[in-house]
Amino acid sequence: MVTAPLYLLAALAEIAGCFAVWHWWRGASALWLLPGAAALGVFAFLLALTPPDQAGRSFAVYGGVYIAASLLWLWAVEGARPDRWDMAGAALALAGAAVILWGPRG
């Protein structure tokens, strides 16, 4: 099943791209914008490969994955460990994403 890794890779690409812009905006070199733009392009491409036939449904599922991946980024890159409320929120978001993605459709 490639669905979960596809959403996770898309999330990491978007977070990396947004982090690059965020870092530049706070005084880093404008060269940060180059990998940032590339990462955001990869994000859009990967999200377009996701399985739902409707973009809105795919984006909704992605939102849950994005929340969880953002907390992983917080921990791995920024060195701030998510607390139990962060984890509870991520679990709720992923549960909602699973219902949207795998819920029975008429």
C-alpha atoms as a PDB file:
ATOM      1  CA  MET A   1       0.000   0.000   0.000  1.00  0.00           C
ATOM      2  CA  VAL A   2       1.592   3.269  -1.135  1.00  0.00           C
ATOM      3  CA  THR A   3      -1.083   5.636   0.175  1.00  0.00           C
ATOM      4  CA  ALA A   4       0.368   6.324   3.635  1.00  0.00           C
ATOM      5  CA  PRO A   5       3.979   6.771   2.451  1.00  0.00           C
ATOM      6  CA  LEU A   6       2.777   9.063  -0.345  1.00  0.00           C
ATOM      7  CA  TYR A   7       0.946  11.323   2.102  1.00  0.00           C
ATOM      8  CA  LEU A   8       3.902  11.252   4.506  1.00  0.00           C
ATOM      9  CA  LEU A   9       6.410  12.172   1.786  1.00  0.00           C
ATOM     10  CA  ALA A  10       4.108  14.977   0.609  1.00  0.00           C
ATOM     11  CA  ALA A  11       3.889  16.279   4.169  1.00  0.00           C
ATOM     12  CA  LEU A  12       7.646  16.211   4.652  1.00  0.00           C
ATOM     13  CA  ALA A  13       8.167  18.031   1.355  1.00  0.00           C
ATOM     14  CA  GLU A  14       5.636  20.724   2.269  1.00  0.00           C
ATOM     15  CA  ILE A  15       7.000  21.176   5.768  1.00  0.00           C
ATOM     16  CA  ALA A  16      10.575  21.415   4.459  1.00  0.00           C
ATOM     17  CA  GLY A  17       9.522  23.964   1.830  1.00  0.00           C
ATOM     18  CA  CYS A  18       7.566  26.071   4.290  1.00  0.00           C
ATOM     19  CA  PHE A  19      10.370  25.827   6.848  1.00  0.00           C
ATOM     20  CA  ALA A  20      12.825  27.159   4.253  1.00  0.00           C
ATOM     21  CA  VAL A  21      10.598  30.184   3.573  1.00  0.00           C
ATOM     22  CA  TRP A  22      10.003  30.652   7.312  1.00  0.00           C
ATOM     23  CA  HIS A  23      13.770  30.530   7.920  1.00  0.00           C
ATOM     24  CA  TRP A  24      14.459  33.067   5.146  1.00  0.00           C
ATOM     25  CA  TRP A  25      11.726  35.380   6.441  1.00  0.00           C
ATOM     26  CA  ARG A  26      13.467  35.440   9.802  1.00  0.00           C
ATOM     27  CA  GLY A  27      16.767  36.634   8.374  1.00  0.00           C
ATOM     28  CA  ALA A  28      18.463  33.671   6.704  1.00  0.00           C
ATOM     29  CA  SER A  29      19.946  33.909   3.217  1.00  0.00           C
ATOM     30  CA  ALA A  30      17.592  34.180   0.256  1.00  0.00           C
ATOM     31  CA  LEU A  31      19.266  31.014  -1.028  1.00  0.00           C
ATOM     32  CA  TRP A  32      16.926  29.137   1.335  1.00  0.00           C
ATOM     33  CA  LEU A  33      14.145  29.991  -1.122  1.00  0.00           C
ATOM     34  CA  LEU A  34      15.602  27.723  -3.826  1.00  0.00           C
ATOM     35  CA  PRO A  35      15.306  24.401  -1.983  1.00  0.00           C
ATOM     36  CA  GLY A  36      12.092  25.709  -0.459  1.00  0.00           C
ATOM     37  CA  ALA A  37      10.511  26.212  -3.877  1.00  0.00           C
ATOM     38  CA  ALA A  38      11.761  22.831  -5.061  1.00  0.00           C
ATOM     39  CA  ALA A  39      10.336  21.102  -1.982  1.00  0.00           C
ATOM     40  CA  LEU A  40       6.959  22.795  -2.453  1.00  0.00           C
ATOM     41  CA  GLY A  41       6.919  21.659  -6.079  1.00  0.00           C
ATOM     42  CA  VAL A  42       7.619  18.086  -4.987  1.00  0.00           C
ATOM     43  CA  PHE A  43       4.839  18.394  -2.405  1.00  0.00           C
ATOM     44  CA  ALA A  44       2.279  19.422  -5.020  1.00  0.00           C
ATOM     45  CA  PHE A  45       3.337  16.620  -7.360  1.00  0.00           C
ATOM     46  CA  LEU A  46       3.152  13.967  -4.640  1.00  0.00           C
ATOM     47  CA  LEU A  47      -0.228  15.140  -3.405  1.00  0.00           C
ATOM     48  CA  ALA A  48      -1.558  14.924  -6.963  1.00  0.00           C
ATOM     49  CA  LEU A  49      -0.604  11.219  -6.983  1.00  0.00           C
ATOM     50  CA  THR A  50      -2.818  10.340  -4.007  1.00  0.00           C
ATOM     51  CA  PRO A  51      -5.700   7.942  -4.657  1.00  0.00           C
ATOM     52  CA  PRO A  52      -8.976   9.826  -3.985  1.00  0.00           C
ATOM     53  CA  ASP A  53     -10.790  10.889  -7.139  1.00  0.00           C
ATOM     54  CA  GLN A  54     -11.760  14.244  -5.630  1.00  0.00           C
ATOM     55  CA  ALA A  55      -9.068  16.759  -4.758  1.00  0.00           C
ATOM     56  CA  GLY A  56     -10.935  18.030  -1.710  1.00  0.00           C
ATOM     57  CA  ARG A  57     -11.093  14.554  -0.170  1.00  0.00           C
ATOM     58  CA  SER A  58      -7.407  13.994  -0.851  1.00  0.00           C
ATOM     59  CA  PHE A  59      -6.538  17.359   0.710  1.00  0.00           C
ATOM     60  CA  ALA A  60      -8.693  16.597   3.774  1.00  0.00           C
ATOM     61  CA  VAL A  61      -6.917  13.282   4.364  1.00  0.00           C
ATOM     62  CA  TYR A  62      -3.590  15.004   3.837  1.00  0.00           C
ATOM     63  CA  GLY A  63      -4.468  17.527   6.538  1.00  0.00           C
ATOM     64  CA  GLY A  64      -4.462  14.827   9.198  1.00  0.00           C
ATOM     65  CA  VAL A  65      -1.143  13.459   8.017  1.00  0.00           C
ATOM     66  CA  TYR A  66       0.280  16.993   7.884  1.00  0.00           C
ATOM     67  CA  ILE A  67      -0.593  17.579  11.536  1.00  0.00           C
ATOM     68  CA  ALA A  68       1.205  14.432  12.674  1.00  0.00           C
ATOM     69  CA  ALA A  69       4.205  15.041  10.391  1.00  0.00           C
ATOM     70  CA  SER A  70       4.502  18.620  11.668  1.00  0.00           C
ATOM     71  CA  LEU A  71       4.855  17.324  15.204  1.00  0.00           C
ATOM     72  CA  LEU A  72       7.529  14.875  14.065  1.00  0.00           C
ATOM     73  CA  TRP A  73       9.335  17.811  12.432  1.00  0.00           C
ATOM     74  CA  LEU A  74       8.993  19.787  15.665  1.00  0.00           C
ATOM     75  CA  TRP A  75      10.750  16.981  17.505  1.00  0.00           C
ATOM     76  CA  ALA A  76      13.336  15.872  14.923  1.00  0.00           C
ATOM     77  CA  VAL A  77      14.384  19.223  13.460  1.00  0.00           C
ATOM     78  CA  GLU A  78      13.494  21.840  16.045  1.00  0.00           C
ATOM     79  CA  GLY A  79      14.342  19.754  19.094  1.00  0.00           C
ATOM     80  CA  ALA A  80      11.066  20.384  20.936  1.00  0.00           C
ATOM     81  CA  ARG A  81       9.381  17.203  22.084  1.00  0.00           C
ATOM     82  CA  PRO A  82       5.606  17.115  21.469  1.00  0.00           C
ATOM     83  CA  ASP A  83       3.571  16.814  24.662  1.00  0.00           C
ATOM     84  CA  ARG A  84       0.620  14.522  25.335  1.00  0.00           C
ATOM     85  CA  TRP A  85      -1.854  17.102  24.033  1.00  0.00           C
ATOM     86  CA  ASP A  86       0.065  17.357  20.775  1.00  0.00           C
ATOM     87  CA  MET A  87      -0.004  13.578  20.472  1.00  0.00           C
ATOM     88  CA  ALA A  88      -3.703  13.363  21.318  1.00  0.00           C
ATOM     89  CA  GLY A  89      -4.509  15.971  18.696  1.00  0.00           C
ATOM     90  CA  ALA A  90      -2.419  14.174  16.086  1.00  0.00           C
ATOM     91  CA  ALA A  91      -4.146  10.879  16.892  1.00  0.00           C
ATOM     92  CA  LEU A  92      -7.557  12.516  16.479  1.00  0.00           C
ATOM     93  CA  ALA A  93      -6.512  14.086  13.184  1.00  0.00           C
ATOM     94  CA  LEU A  94      -5.181  10.766  11.861  1.00  0.00           C
ATOM     95  CA  ALA A  95      -8.349   8.975  12.949  1.00  0.00           C
ATOM     96  CA  GLY A  96     -10.416  11.535  11.067  1.00  0.00           C
ATOM     97  CA  ALA A  97      -8.193  11.187   8.012  1.00  0.00           C
ATOM     98  CA  ALA A  98      -8.631   7.395   8.093  1.00  0.00           C
ATOM     99  CA  VAL A  99     -12.412   7.737   8.218  1.00  0.00           C
ATOM    100  CA  ILE A 100     -12.354  10.066   5.218  1.00  0.00           C
ATOM    101  CA  LEU A 101      -9.965   7.909   3.222  1.00  0.00           C
ATOM    102  CA  TRP A 102     -11.300   4.436   3.956  1.00  0.00           C
ATOM    103  CA  GLY A 103     -14.924   5.098   4.877  1.00  0.00           C
ATOM    104  CA  PRO A 104     -17.452   3.174   2.788  1.00  0.00           C
ATOM    105  CA  ARG A 105     -18.846   5.171  -0.110  1.00  0.00           C
ATOM    106  CA  GLY A 106     -22.216   4.518  -1.754  1.00  0.00           C
END
